[in-house]
N, C-alpha and C. Protein backbone atom coordinates (compact mmCIF):
# COMPACT_ATOMS: atom_id res chain seq x y z
N MET A 1 -74.74 264.84 79.07
CA MET A 1 -73.96 264.55 80.25
C MET A 1 -73.29 263.19 80.10
N THR A 2 -72.19 263.03 80.77
CA THR A 2 -71.50 261.75 80.74
C THR A 2 -71.78 261.00 82.03
N ARG A 3 -71.69 259.71 81.94
CA ARG A 3 -71.87 258.89 83.14
C ARG A 3 -70.68 259.07 84.06
N ARG A 4 -70.99 259.17 85.33
CA ARG A 4 -69.90 259.27 86.30
C ARG A 4 -69.33 257.88 86.54
N THR A 5 -68.02 257.81 86.57
CA THR A 5 -67.36 256.54 86.85
C THR A 5 -67.02 256.50 88.34
N VAL A 6 -66.73 255.31 88.80
CA VAL A 6 -66.35 255.15 90.21
C VAL A 6 -65.17 256.05 90.54
N SER A 7 -64.17 256.09 89.65
CA SER A 7 -62.98 256.88 89.95
C SER A 7 -63.30 258.37 89.95
N SER A 8 -64.15 258.85 89.03
CA SER A 8 -64.46 260.28 89.02
C SER A 8 -65.28 260.66 90.24
N ILE A 9 -66.13 259.78 90.71
CA ILE A 9 -66.91 260.06 91.92
C ILE A 9 -65.99 260.11 93.13
N ALA A 10 -65.08 259.13 93.22
CA ALA A 10 -64.14 259.10 94.34
C ALA A 10 -63.26 260.34 94.36
N LEU A 11 -62.78 260.76 93.19
CA LEU A 11 -61.94 261.95 93.13
C LEU A 11 -62.71 263.20 93.52
N ALA A 12 -63.95 263.28 93.11
CA ALA A 12 -64.75 264.47 93.39
C ALA A 12 -65.15 264.55 94.86
N HIS A 13 -65.31 263.42 95.50
CA HIS A 13 -65.82 263.41 96.87
C HIS A 13 -64.84 262.86 97.89
N GLY A 14 -63.64 262.58 97.49
CA GLY A 14 -62.69 261.99 98.42
C GLY A 14 -63.04 260.54 98.66
N THR A 15 -62.23 259.87 99.45
CA THR A 15 -62.48 258.46 99.70
C THR A 15 -63.00 258.21 101.09
N ALA A 16 -63.20 259.27 101.87
CA ALA A 16 -63.68 259.10 103.24
C ALA A 16 -65.08 258.49 103.23
N SER A 17 -65.30 257.57 104.14
CA SER A 17 -66.59 256.92 104.27
C SER A 17 -67.55 257.83 105.03
N THR A 18 -68.81 257.82 104.62
CA THR A 18 -69.84 258.54 105.34
C THR A 18 -70.91 257.55 105.75
N ARG A 19 -71.75 257.94 106.68
CA ARG A 19 -72.84 257.05 107.10
C ARG A 19 -73.76 256.76 105.92
N SER A 20 -74.07 257.81 105.14
CA SER A 20 -74.93 257.59 103.96
C SER A 20 -74.23 256.71 102.94
N GLY A 21 -72.93 256.93 102.76
CA GLY A 21 -72.17 256.10 101.83
C GLY A 21 -72.16 254.64 102.24
N GLU A 22 -71.97 254.39 103.53
CA GLU A 22 -71.99 253.01 104.03
C GLU A 22 -73.37 252.40 103.88
N ALA A 23 -74.42 253.19 104.12
CA ALA A 23 -75.78 252.70 103.95
C ALA A 23 -76.03 252.36 102.48
N LEU A 24 -75.52 253.19 101.58
CA LEU A 24 -75.67 252.92 100.16
C LEU A 24 -74.93 251.65 99.77
N ARG A 25 -73.72 251.46 100.30
CA ARG A 25 -72.98 250.22 100.04
C ARG A 25 -73.77 249.00 100.48
N ALA A 26 -74.38 249.08 101.66
CA ALA A 26 -75.20 247.97 102.15
C ALA A 26 -76.41 247.75 101.23
N LEU A 27 -77.01 248.85 100.78
CA LEU A 27 -78.15 248.75 99.87
C LEU A 27 -77.74 248.08 98.57
N VAL A 28 -76.59 248.45 98.03
CA VAL A 28 -76.12 247.85 96.78
C VAL A 28 -75.95 246.34 96.94
N LEU A 29 -75.35 245.91 98.03
CA LEU A 29 -75.17 244.47 98.26
C LEU A 29 -76.52 243.77 98.36
N GLU A 30 -77.48 244.40 99.02
CA GLU A 30 -78.82 243.81 99.14
C GLU A 30 -79.52 243.79 97.78
N ILE A 31 -79.29 244.80 96.96
CA ILE A 31 -79.88 244.82 95.61
C ILE A 31 -79.31 243.67 94.78
N PHE A 32 -78.02 243.40 94.93
CA PHE A 32 -77.43 242.25 94.23
C PHE A 32 -78.14 240.96 94.66
N ARG A 33 -78.35 240.80 95.97
CA ARG A 33 -79.04 239.61 96.47
C ARG A 33 -80.48 239.58 95.97
N LEU A 34 -81.14 240.74 95.98
CA LEU A 34 -82.51 240.83 95.49
C LEU A 34 -82.57 240.48 94.01
N ASN A 35 -81.62 240.98 93.24
CA ASN A 35 -81.59 240.66 91.81
C ASN A 35 -81.50 239.15 91.60
N GLY A 36 -80.65 238.49 92.35
CA GLY A 36 -80.53 237.04 92.23
C GLY A 36 -81.84 236.34 92.55
N ALA A 37 -82.49 236.79 93.62
CA ALA A 37 -83.78 236.19 93.99
C ALA A 37 -84.84 236.47 92.91
N LEU A 38 -84.84 237.68 92.37
CA LEU A 38 -85.81 238.01 91.32
C LEU A 38 -85.57 237.17 90.06
N LEU A 39 -84.30 236.94 89.73
CA LEU A 39 -83.99 236.11 88.56
C LEU A 39 -84.49 234.68 88.78
N ARG A 40 -84.27 234.14 89.99
CA ARG A 40 -84.75 232.78 90.29
C ARG A 40 -86.26 232.70 90.20
N HIS A 41 -86.93 233.65 90.84
CA HIS A 41 -88.39 233.63 90.84
C HIS A 41 -88.94 233.93 89.45
N GLY A 42 -88.30 234.85 88.74
CA GLY A 42 -88.73 235.16 87.38
C GLY A 42 -88.70 233.94 86.48
N ALA A 43 -87.65 233.15 86.62
CA ALA A 43 -87.54 231.92 85.82
C ALA A 43 -88.68 230.97 86.15
N ALA A 44 -88.99 230.83 87.42
CA ALA A 44 -90.08 229.93 87.83
C ALA A 44 -91.44 230.45 87.37
N LEU A 45 -91.62 231.77 87.42
CA LEU A 45 -92.91 232.36 87.03
C LEU A 45 -93.16 232.28 85.53
N THR A 46 -92.11 232.40 84.74
CA THR A 46 -92.28 232.45 83.28
C THR A 46 -92.26 231.07 82.62
N ALA A 47 -91.71 230.09 83.29
CA ALA A 47 -91.57 228.75 82.70
C ALA A 47 -92.90 228.16 82.22
N PRO A 48 -93.99 228.28 82.98
CA PRO A 48 -95.25 227.70 82.49
C PRO A 48 -95.74 228.29 81.16
N LEU A 49 -95.27 229.48 80.83
CA LEU A 49 -95.65 230.11 79.56
C LEU A 49 -94.61 229.87 78.47
N GLY A 50 -93.60 229.04 78.78
CA GLY A 50 -92.55 228.76 77.81
C GLY A 50 -91.62 229.94 77.60
N GLN A 51 -91.53 230.81 78.60
CA GLN A 51 -90.68 231.99 78.50
C GLN A 51 -89.57 231.89 79.54
N THR A 52 -88.64 232.82 79.47
CA THR A 52 -87.57 232.92 80.45
C THR A 52 -87.62 234.30 81.06
N GLN A 53 -86.88 234.49 82.11
CA GLN A 53 -86.82 235.80 82.76
C GLN A 53 -86.27 236.84 81.79
N ALA A 54 -85.26 236.50 80.99
CA ALA A 54 -84.68 237.44 80.03
C ALA A 54 -85.70 237.82 78.96
N ARG A 55 -86.46 236.83 78.51
CA ARG A 55 -87.50 237.12 77.51
C ARG A 55 -88.57 238.02 78.12
N TRP A 56 -88.90 237.78 79.39
CA TRP A 56 -89.90 238.61 80.08
C TRP A 56 -89.41 240.06 80.14
N GLN A 57 -88.13 240.26 80.43
CA GLN A 57 -87.59 241.61 80.48
C GLN A 57 -87.72 242.33 79.15
N VAL A 58 -87.39 241.64 78.07
CA VAL A 58 -87.46 242.26 76.75
C VAL A 58 -88.91 242.50 76.35
N ILE A 59 -89.77 241.52 76.58
CA ILE A 59 -91.19 241.70 76.29
C ILE A 59 -91.75 242.89 77.06
N GLY A 60 -91.40 242.98 78.34
CA GLY A 60 -91.88 244.09 79.17
C GLY A 60 -91.38 245.44 78.69
N ALA A 61 -90.12 245.49 78.27
CA ALA A 61 -89.56 246.75 77.78
C ALA A 61 -90.25 247.20 76.50
N VAL A 62 -90.56 246.25 75.62
CA VAL A 62 -91.25 246.58 74.37
C VAL A 62 -92.71 246.95 74.65
N ALA A 63 -93.31 246.30 75.64
CA ALA A 63 -94.70 246.61 75.98
C ALA A 63 -94.83 248.03 76.52
N GLU A 64 -93.81 248.51 77.23
CA GLU A 64 -93.83 249.89 77.74
C GLU A 64 -93.82 250.90 76.61
N ALA A 65 -92.98 250.64 75.60
CA ALA A 65 -92.84 251.56 74.47
C ALA A 65 -92.09 250.84 73.35
N THR A 66 -92.39 251.22 72.13
CA THR A 66 -91.65 250.69 70.99
C THR A 66 -90.20 251.16 71.12
N ARG A 67 -89.28 250.19 71.11
CA ARG A 67 -87.87 250.52 71.34
C ARG A 67 -86.99 249.72 70.40
N THR A 68 -85.75 250.18 70.28
CA THR A 68 -84.72 249.44 69.56
C THR A 68 -83.99 248.53 70.55
N VAL A 69 -83.23 247.59 70.01
CA VAL A 69 -82.43 246.71 70.86
C VAL A 69 -81.48 247.52 71.74
N PRO A 70 -80.71 248.49 71.20
CA PRO A 70 -79.82 249.26 72.07
C PRO A 70 -80.57 250.03 73.16
N GLN A 71 -81.74 250.55 72.85
CA GLN A 71 -82.52 251.26 73.87
C GLN A 71 -82.95 250.32 74.99
N ILE A 72 -83.37 249.12 74.62
CA ILE A 72 -83.77 248.14 75.63
C ILE A 72 -82.56 247.77 76.48
N ALA A 73 -81.43 247.53 75.84
CA ALA A 73 -80.21 247.15 76.57
C ALA A 73 -79.84 248.22 77.60
N ARG A 74 -79.85 249.48 77.17
CA ARG A 74 -79.52 250.57 78.11
C ARG A 74 -80.53 250.62 79.25
N ARG A 75 -81.80 250.54 78.92
CA ARG A 75 -82.85 250.65 79.94
C ARG A 75 -82.77 249.51 80.96
N MET A 76 -82.46 248.32 80.49
CA MET A 76 -82.48 247.14 81.35
C MET A 76 -81.11 246.83 81.96
N GLY A 77 -80.07 247.57 81.55
CA GLY A 77 -78.74 247.30 82.08
C GLY A 77 -78.18 245.98 81.58
N MET A 78 -78.53 245.63 80.37
CA MET A 78 -78.07 244.38 79.76
C MET A 78 -77.15 244.72 78.59
N SER A 79 -76.39 243.74 78.12
CA SER A 79 -75.56 243.99 76.95
C SER A 79 -76.44 244.01 75.70
N ARG A 80 -76.03 244.80 74.72
CA ARG A 80 -76.79 244.89 73.48
C ARG A 80 -76.84 243.52 72.80
N GLN A 81 -75.74 242.78 72.87
CA GLN A 81 -75.68 241.47 72.23
C GLN A 81 -76.67 240.49 72.85
N SER A 82 -76.79 240.50 74.18
CA SER A 82 -77.73 239.57 74.81
C SER A 82 -79.16 239.94 74.50
N VAL A 83 -79.47 241.24 74.46
CA VAL A 83 -80.82 241.67 74.10
C VAL A 83 -81.10 241.29 72.65
N GLN A 84 -80.10 241.45 71.77
CA GLN A 84 -80.29 241.10 70.36
C GLN A 84 -80.62 239.62 70.22
N ARG A 85 -79.88 238.76 70.94
CA ARG A 85 -80.14 237.31 70.87
C ARG A 85 -81.57 236.99 71.30
N VAL A 86 -81.99 237.58 72.43
CA VAL A 86 -83.34 237.33 72.95
C VAL A 86 -84.38 237.88 71.98
N ALA A 87 -84.16 239.09 71.48
CA ALA A 87 -85.11 239.70 70.54
C ALA A 87 -85.24 238.84 69.28
N ASP A 88 -84.12 238.36 68.75
CA ASP A 88 -84.17 237.52 67.55
C ASP A 88 -85.00 236.26 67.80
N LEU A 89 -84.82 235.64 68.97
CA LEU A 89 -85.60 234.45 69.30
C LEU A 89 -87.09 234.78 69.44
N LEU A 90 -87.38 235.92 70.05
CA LEU A 90 -88.78 236.32 70.21
C LEU A 90 -89.43 236.63 68.86
N VAL A 91 -88.65 237.15 67.92
CA VAL A 91 -89.17 237.38 66.56
C VAL A 91 -89.44 236.04 65.87
N VAL A 92 -88.49 235.11 65.97
CA VAL A 92 -88.67 233.79 65.37
C VAL A 92 -89.92 233.11 65.94
N ASP A 93 -90.16 233.29 67.24
CA ASP A 93 -91.32 232.68 67.91
C ASP A 93 -92.62 233.44 67.67
N GLY A 94 -92.56 234.56 66.96
CA GLY A 94 -93.77 235.32 66.66
C GLY A 94 -94.29 236.17 67.80
N VAL A 95 -93.43 236.44 68.79
CA VAL A 95 -93.82 237.26 69.95
C VAL A 95 -93.56 238.74 69.66
N LEU A 96 -92.45 239.01 68.97
CA LEU A 96 -92.10 240.38 68.58
C LEU A 96 -91.93 240.42 67.07
N ARG A 97 -91.93 241.64 66.54
CA ARG A 97 -91.59 241.85 65.14
C ARG A 97 -90.72 243.09 65.04
N PHE A 98 -89.85 243.08 64.04
CA PHE A 98 -89.02 244.24 63.75
C PHE A 98 -89.79 245.14 62.79
N GLU A 99 -89.77 246.42 63.07
CA GLU A 99 -90.40 247.43 62.21
C GLU A 99 -89.33 248.43 61.80
N PRO A 100 -89.45 249.01 60.60
CA PRO A 100 -88.47 250.03 60.19
C PRO A 100 -88.45 251.20 61.18
N ASN A 101 -87.26 251.71 61.39
CA ASN A 101 -87.07 252.85 62.29
C ASN A 101 -86.75 254.07 61.43
N PRO A 102 -87.67 255.02 61.34
CA PRO A 102 -87.42 256.19 60.49
C PRO A 102 -86.23 257.03 60.96
N GLU A 103 -85.81 256.86 62.21
CA GLU A 103 -84.70 257.65 62.74
C GLU A 103 -83.35 256.96 62.60
N HIS A 104 -83.38 255.64 62.33
CA HIS A 104 -82.10 254.91 62.25
C HIS A 104 -82.34 253.62 61.45
N ALA A 105 -81.95 253.64 60.20
CA ALA A 105 -82.23 252.52 59.29
C ALA A 105 -81.64 251.20 59.76
N ARG A 106 -80.50 251.23 60.45
CA ARG A 106 -79.83 249.98 60.86
C ARG A 106 -80.25 249.50 62.24
N SER A 107 -81.16 250.21 62.90
CA SER A 107 -81.61 249.81 64.23
C SER A 107 -83.14 249.79 64.25
N PRO A 108 -83.73 248.67 63.82
CA PRO A 108 -85.18 248.61 63.73
C PRO A 108 -85.85 248.67 65.10
N LEU A 109 -87.11 249.07 65.06
CA LEU A 109 -87.92 249.12 66.28
C LEU A 109 -88.54 247.75 66.53
N LEU A 110 -88.72 247.41 67.79
CA LEU A 110 -89.38 246.17 68.15
C LEU A 110 -90.80 246.48 68.60
N GLN A 111 -91.74 245.65 68.16
CA GLN A 111 -93.13 245.78 68.58
C GLN A 111 -93.66 244.41 68.93
N LEU A 112 -94.63 244.39 69.84
CA LEU A 112 -95.30 243.14 70.18
C LEU A 112 -96.23 242.74 69.03
N THR A 113 -96.28 241.46 68.74
CA THR A 113 -97.28 240.92 67.82
C THR A 113 -98.55 240.65 68.64
N ALA A 114 -99.59 240.18 67.99
CA ALA A 114 -100.81 239.80 68.72
C ALA A 114 -100.49 238.71 69.74
N GLU A 115 -99.67 237.73 69.33
CA GLU A 115 -99.25 236.68 70.25
C GLU A 115 -98.42 237.26 71.39
N GLY A 116 -97.56 238.22 71.07
CA GLY A 116 -96.76 238.89 72.09
C GLY A 116 -97.63 239.64 73.09
N GLN A 117 -98.67 240.27 72.61
CA GLN A 117 -99.59 240.98 73.51
C GLN A 117 -100.30 239.99 74.44
N ARG A 118 -100.66 238.83 73.90
CA ARG A 118 -101.31 237.80 74.73
C ARG A 118 -100.35 237.30 75.81
N ILE A 119 -99.12 237.01 75.42
CA ILE A 119 -98.12 236.53 76.38
C ILE A 119 -97.81 237.61 77.41
N GLU A 120 -97.65 238.84 76.96
CA GLU A 120 -97.35 239.95 77.87
C GLU A 120 -98.47 240.13 78.90
N ALA A 121 -99.72 240.01 78.45
CA ALA A 121 -100.87 240.12 79.38
C ALA A 121 -100.83 239.00 80.42
N ARG A 122 -100.51 237.79 79.99
CA ARG A 122 -100.41 236.66 80.93
C ARG A 122 -99.26 236.86 81.91
N LEU A 123 -98.12 237.33 81.40
CA LEU A 123 -96.98 237.61 82.27
C LEU A 123 -97.32 238.70 83.28
N ASN A 124 -98.04 239.72 82.83
CA ASN A 124 -98.47 240.78 83.75
C ASN A 124 -99.39 240.24 84.83
N ASP A 125 -100.33 239.39 84.46
CA ASP A 125 -101.24 238.80 85.46
C ASP A 125 -100.46 237.99 86.48
N ILE A 126 -99.55 237.16 86.00
CA ILE A 126 -98.72 236.34 86.89
C ILE A 126 -97.88 237.25 87.79
N GLY A 127 -97.27 238.27 87.19
CA GLY A 127 -96.42 239.19 87.94
C GLY A 127 -97.19 239.97 88.99
N ARG A 128 -98.39 240.42 88.65
CA ARG A 128 -99.22 241.15 89.63
C ARG A 128 -99.60 240.27 90.82
N THR A 129 -100.02 239.05 90.53
CA THR A 129 -100.41 238.12 91.60
C THR A 129 -99.21 237.83 92.50
N TRP A 130 -98.06 237.56 91.89
CA TRP A 130 -96.84 237.28 92.65
C TRP A 130 -96.44 238.48 93.49
N ALA A 131 -96.45 239.68 92.88
CA ALA A 131 -96.05 240.90 93.60
C ALA A 131 -96.99 241.17 94.77
N ALA A 132 -98.28 240.96 94.57
CA ALA A 132 -99.25 241.19 95.65
C ALA A 132 -98.98 240.25 96.82
N ALA A 133 -98.64 239.02 96.52
CA ALA A 133 -98.35 238.06 97.59
C ALA A 133 -97.07 238.45 98.34
N ILE A 134 -96.05 238.86 97.62
CA ILE A 134 -94.79 239.27 98.26
C ILE A 134 -94.98 240.55 99.06
N ALA A 135 -95.77 241.48 98.54
CA ALA A 135 -95.96 242.79 99.18
C ALA A 135 -96.92 242.75 100.35
N ASP A 136 -97.64 241.65 100.51
CA ASP A 136 -98.62 241.56 101.60
C ASP A 136 -97.95 241.85 102.94
N GLY A 137 -98.46 242.84 103.64
CA GLY A 137 -97.93 243.21 104.95
C GLY A 137 -96.87 244.29 104.91
N LEU A 138 -96.37 244.63 103.73
CA LEU A 138 -95.41 245.72 103.61
C LEU A 138 -96.17 247.03 103.46
N ARG A 139 -95.61 248.10 103.98
CA ARG A 139 -96.27 249.40 103.89
C ARG A 139 -96.09 250.01 102.51
N HIS A 140 -97.21 250.42 101.94
CA HIS A 140 -97.22 251.02 100.60
C HIS A 140 -96.29 252.24 100.54
N ALA A 141 -96.38 253.12 101.52
CA ALA A 141 -95.57 254.35 101.52
C ALA A 141 -94.08 254.02 101.56
N GLU A 142 -93.68 253.00 102.31
CA GLU A 142 -92.27 252.61 102.37
C GLU A 142 -91.79 252.06 101.03
N LEU A 143 -92.63 251.27 100.37
CA LEU A 143 -92.26 250.76 99.06
C LEU A 143 -92.11 251.90 98.06
N GLU A 144 -93.03 252.85 98.08
CA GLU A 144 -92.93 254.00 97.18
C GLU A 144 -91.66 254.81 97.45
N ARG A 145 -91.33 255.00 98.73
CA ARG A 145 -90.11 255.73 99.09
C ARG A 145 -88.88 254.97 98.60
N THR A 146 -88.90 253.67 98.69
CA THR A 146 -87.79 252.85 98.21
C THR A 146 -87.63 253.01 96.70
N VAL A 147 -88.72 252.97 95.97
CA VAL A 147 -88.68 253.16 94.52
C VAL A 147 -88.12 254.54 94.20
N ASP A 148 -88.58 255.56 94.88
CA ASP A 148 -88.08 256.92 94.65
C ASP A 148 -86.59 257.02 94.92
N THR A 149 -86.14 256.39 96.00
CA THR A 149 -84.72 256.42 96.35
C THR A 149 -83.90 255.70 95.28
N MET A 150 -84.37 254.56 94.83
CA MET A 150 -83.63 253.83 93.80
C MET A 150 -83.58 254.63 92.50
N ARG A 151 -84.67 255.28 92.14
CA ARG A 151 -84.67 256.11 90.93
C ARG A 151 -83.68 257.26 91.05
N GLU A 152 -83.58 257.84 92.23
CA GLU A 152 -82.63 258.95 92.43
C GLU A 152 -81.20 258.42 92.32
N ILE A 153 -80.92 257.26 92.87
CA ILE A 153 -79.57 256.69 92.77
C ILE A 153 -79.25 256.41 91.31
N ILE A 154 -80.20 255.85 90.57
CA ILE A 154 -80.00 255.60 89.14
C ILE A 154 -79.73 256.90 88.41
N ARG A 155 -80.50 257.93 88.71
CA ARG A 155 -80.31 259.23 88.06
C ARG A 155 -78.90 259.75 88.32
N ARG A 156 -78.44 259.64 89.58
CA ARG A 156 -77.10 260.12 89.91
C ARG A 156 -76.02 259.31 89.20
N LEU A 157 -76.23 258.01 89.08
CA LEU A 157 -75.24 257.17 88.40
C LEU A 157 -75.22 257.45 86.89
N ASP A 158 -76.35 257.81 86.34
CA ASP A 158 -76.44 258.02 84.90
C ASP A 158 -76.16 259.46 84.45
N THR A 159 -75.82 260.33 85.39
CA THR A 159 -75.50 261.72 84.99
C THR A 159 -74.01 261.96 85.06
């Protein structure tokens, strides 16, 4: 499947505004604000470990599964070049290592080193504590519904 572009979506559905469409527009603007806040907080949370928010994203993506730079870039919505720069620095620092990719010789797989696993565990602990504090008083079911809704929007955008 190909990704739908703004113009193809508009052509397929007309340009008339709907209540759901307006609600989605408001959600998108709030997600932009949330992203900015997450980037600020991420930088503050990772600094004591000598990491950055961008490094945390790449470390987290590799911790989920062994991936290539292009796979991480697509998953995280980042440019391949920026992920490559971060990955190269993490390799130099001994946090990640490149492994041969049997499916693509020119796109090696990234894996956590022992040091990377230690850092990732510390980042996870910090992230869990921070998330628990932020989530205090929010309803679990509402958060789960929000996650489901965001995943559905991502699915629609990526098909």
